[in-house]
C-alpha atoms as a PDB file:
ATOM      1  CA  MET A   1     128.027  50.954  14.127  1.00  0.00           C
ATOM      2  CA  LYS A   2     126.669  47.402  13.999  1.00  0.00           C
ATOM      3  CA  ILE A   3     123.183  46.856  15.388  1.00  0.00           C
ATOM      4  CA  GLU A   4     122.631  43.643  17.355  1.00  0.00           C
ATOM      5  CA  TRP A   5     119.186  42.143  16.868  1.00  0.00           C
ATOM      6  CA  ASP A   6     117.450  39.675  19.161  1.00  0.00           C
ATOM      7  CA  ALA A   7     115.800  38.067  16.119  1.00  0.00           C
ATOM      8  CA  VAL A   8     116.521  38.263  12.427  1.00  0.00           C
ATOM      9  CA  LYS A   9     114.301  38.011   9.364  1.00  0.00           C
ATOM     10  CA  GLY A  10     113.105  34.436   8.893  1.00  0.00           C
ATOM     11  CA  ASP A  11     113.354  33.413  12.571  1.00  0.00           C
ATOM     12  CA  TRP A  12     110.463  31.405  14.038  1.00  0.00           C
ATOM     13  CA  VAL A  13     108.834  33.738  16.590  1.00  0.00           C
ATOM     14  CA  GLN A  14     105.684  34.354  18.604  1.00  0.00           C
ATOM     15  CA  ILE A  15     103.788  37.625  18.737  1.00  0.00           C
ATOM     16  CA  SER A  16     101.071  39.001  20.981  1.00  0.00           C
ATOM     17  CA  GLN A  17      98.312  41.263  19.704  1.00  0.00           C
ATOM     18  CA  ILE A  18      95.431  42.895  21.585  1.00  0.00           C
ATOM     19  CA  VAL A  19      92.279  41.973  19.668  1.00  0.00           C
ATOM     20  CA  LEU A  20      89.761  43.632  21.992  1.00  0.00           C
ATOM     21  CA  SER A  21      90.392  46.147  24.756  1.00  0.00           C
ATOM     22  CA  PRO A  22      88.462  45.638  28.007  1.00  0.00           C
ATOM     23  CA  SER A  23      85.963  48.330  26.997  1.00  0.00           C
ATOM     24  CA  LYS A  24      85.151  46.458  23.769  1.00  0.00           C
ATOM     25  CA  ARG A  25      84.486  43.063  25.396  1.00  0.00           C
ATOM     26  CA  ALA A  26      81.001  41.546  25.017  1.00  0.00           C
ATOM     27  CA  PRO A  27      78.561  42.473  27.807  1.00  0.00           C
ATOM     28  CA  GLN A  28      77.697  38.834  28.590  1.00  0.00           C
ATOM     29  CA  VAL A  29      81.240  37.743  29.516  1.00  0.00           C
ATOM     30  CA  PRO A  30      82.060  37.287  33.222  1.00  0.00           C
ATOM     31  CA  GLU A  31      83.189  40.387  35.141  1.00  0.00           C
ATOM     32  CA  SER A  32      86.704  39.003  35.580  1.00  0.00           C
ATOM     33  CA  THR A  33      86.949  38.562  31.791  1.00  0.00           C
ATOM     34  CA  LYS A  34      85.635  42.070  31.053  1.00  0.00           C
ATOM     35  CA  LYS A  35      88.553  43.566  32.995  1.00  0.00           C
ATOM     36  CA  VAL A  36      91.269  42.205  30.687  1.00  0.00           C
ATOM     37  CA  PRO A  37      91.928  42.544  26.961  1.00  0.00           C
ATOM     38  CA  LEU A  38      91.385  39.667  24.542  1.00  0.00           C
ATOM     39  CA  ILE A  39      94.880  38.744  23.394  1.00  0.00           C
ATOM     40  CA  LEU A  40      95.881  36.805  20.286  1.00  0.00           C
ATOM     41  CA  LYS A  41      99.168  34.911  20.317  1.00  0.00           C
ATOM     42  CA  ALA A  42     100.476  33.616  17.005  1.00  0.00           C
ATOM     43  CA  LYS A  43     103.633  31.967  15.717  1.00  0.00           C
ATOM     44  CA  GLY A  44     105.268  32.555  12.378  1.00  0.00           C
ATOM     45  CA  PHE A  45     108.353  33.654  10.492  1.00  0.00           C
ATOM     46  CA  LEU A  46     109.669  37.135  11.215  1.00  0.00           C
ATOM     47  CA  ASN A  47     109.536  39.498   8.228  1.00  0.00           C
ATOM     48  CA  ASN A  48     112.234  41.925   9.465  1.00  0.00           C
ATOM     49  CA  ASN A  49     114.986  42.035  12.085  1.00  0.00           C
ATOM     50  CA  ALA A  50     113.656  42.969  15.528  1.00  0.00           C
ATOM     51  CA  ASN A  51     114.162  43.055  19.282  1.00  0.00           C
ATOM     52  CA  TYR A  52     111.932  41.754  22.060  1.00  0.00           C
ATOM     53  CA  GLY A  53     108.981  44.091  22.549  1.00  0.00           C
ATOM     54  CA  ASP A  54     109.136  45.568  19.051  1.00  0.00           C
ATOM     55  CA  THR A  55     105.989  45.662  16.934  1.00  0.00           C
ATOM     56  CA  VAL A  56     106.713  43.232  14.119  1.00  0.00           C
ATOM     57  CA  THR A  57     105.085  41.498  11.193  1.00  0.00           C
ATOM     58  CA  ILE A  58     105.151  37.731  10.771  1.00  0.00           C
ATOM     59  CA  THR A  59     104.045  35.287   8.110  1.00  0.00           C
ATOM     60  CA  THR A  60     102.330  32.224   9.533  1.00  0.00           C
ATOM     61  CA  ILE A  61     102.588  28.656   8.269  1.00  0.00           C
ATOM     62  CA  ILE A  62      99.310  29.147   6.377  1.00  0.00           C
ATOM     63  CA  ASP A  63     100.693  32.316   4.772  1.00  0.00           C
ATOM     64  CA  ARG A  64      98.732  34.842   6.858  1.00  0.00           C
ATOM     65  CA  THR A  65     100.444  38.120   7.660  1.00  0.00           C
ATOM     66  CA  LEU A  66      99.973  39.327  11.233  1.00  0.00           C
ATOM     67  CA  SER A  67     101.415  42.164  13.292  1.00  0.00           C
ATOM     68  CA  GLY A  68     102.025  42.294  17.009  1.00  0.00           C
ATOM     69  CA  LYS A  69     104.552  42.620  19.800  1.00  0.00           C
ATOM     70  CA  LEU A  70     107.504  40.203  19.615  1.00  0.00           C
ATOM     71  CA  ILE A  71     107.333  38.070  22.773  1.00  0.00           C
ATOM     72  CA  THR A  72     109.240  34.835  22.039  1.00  0.00           C
ATOM     73  CA  ILE A  73     111.999  33.737  19.708  1.00  0.00           C
ATOM     74  CA  ASN A  74     112.008  30.097  18.620  1.00  0.00           C
ATOM     75  CA  PRO A  75     108.877  29.201  20.646  1.00  0.00           C
ATOM     76  CA  GLY A  76     108.091  25.600  21.381  1.00  0.00           C
ATOM     77  CA  PHE A  77     104.813  23.769  21.600  1.00  0.00           C
ATOM     78  CA  ASN A  78     104.036  23.293  25.276  1.00  0.00           C
ATOM     79  CA  HIS A  79     100.382  22.343  25.348  1.00  0.00           C
ATOM     80  CA  SER A  80      99.003  19.556  27.484  1.00  0.00           C
ATOM     81  CA  TYR A  81      95.816  17.570  27.666  1.00  0.00           C
ATOM     82  CA  GLY A  82      96.365  17.020  31.370  1.00  0.00           C
ATOM     83  CA  LYS A  83      97.126  13.827  33.206  1.00  0.00           C
ATOM     84  CA  PRO A  84      95.793  10.659  31.594  1.00  0.00           C
ATOM     85  CA  PRO A  85      92.852   9.024  33.385  1.00  0.00           C
ATOM     86  CA  HIS A  86      94.170   6.040  35.337  1.00  0.00           C
ATOM     87  CA  ASP A  87      91.545   3.659  33.916  1.00  0.00           C
ATOM     88  CA  LEU A  88      92.493   4.500  30.330  1.00  0.00           C
ATOM     89  CA  ILE A  89      96.146   3.703  30.978  1.00  0.00           C
ATOM     90  CA  ARG A  90      95.152   0.142  31.873  1.00  0.00           C
ATOM     91  CA  VAL A  91      92.792  -0.345  28.913  1.00  0.00           C
ATOM     92  CA  GLY A  92      95.554  -0.852  26.351  1.00  0.00           C
ATOM     93  CA  LYS A  93      97.300  -3.534  28.367  1.00  0.00           C
ATOM     94  CA  GLU A  94      94.023  -5.318  29.155  1.00  0.00           C
ATOM     95  CA  LEU A  95      92.916  -5.201  25.510  1.00  0.00           C
ATOM     96  CA  ARG A  96      96.232  -6.706  24.380  1.00  0.00           C
ATOM     97  CA  ARG A  97      95.817  -9.498  26.936  1.00  0.00           C
ATOM     98  CA  ILE A  98      92.270 -10.249  25.747  1.00  0.00           C
ATOM     99  CA  LEU A  99      93.245 -10.210  22.063  1.00  0.00           C
ATOM    100  CA  LYS A 100      96.262 -12.409  22.706  1.00  0.00           C
ATOM    101  CA  CYS A 101      94.102 -14.972  24.529  1.00  0.00           C
ATOM    102  CA  HIS A 102      91.522 -15.074  21.724  1.00  0.00           C
ATOM    103  CA  LEU A 103      94.089 -15.272  18.964  1.00  0.00           C
ATOM    104  CA  LEU A 104      95.821 -18.233  20.598  1.00  0.00           C
ATOM    105  CA  ILE A 105      92.601 -20.272  20.907  1.00  0.00           C
END
């Protein structure tokens, strides 16, 4: 019988690991924060074949070995710094105009 795996050894994956349970959270954190666990998410290369939800071990880009629940296969980088401030968008164009004027004189 052939076993079908969601991810195979060497795949780029993301894991989730509970670092602190709610009962272990620091007393000074806000009440809403105390109610949830502190979760680590990390990306790396899978060390063994696995399925979603399995506890797996990965090796990160910096050669750390971490264990956690397999949550994503081939994760992307979807961070954002938000919308650019309108004034900053105009700065580049205005600076080019000023430099062009001064270089031509």
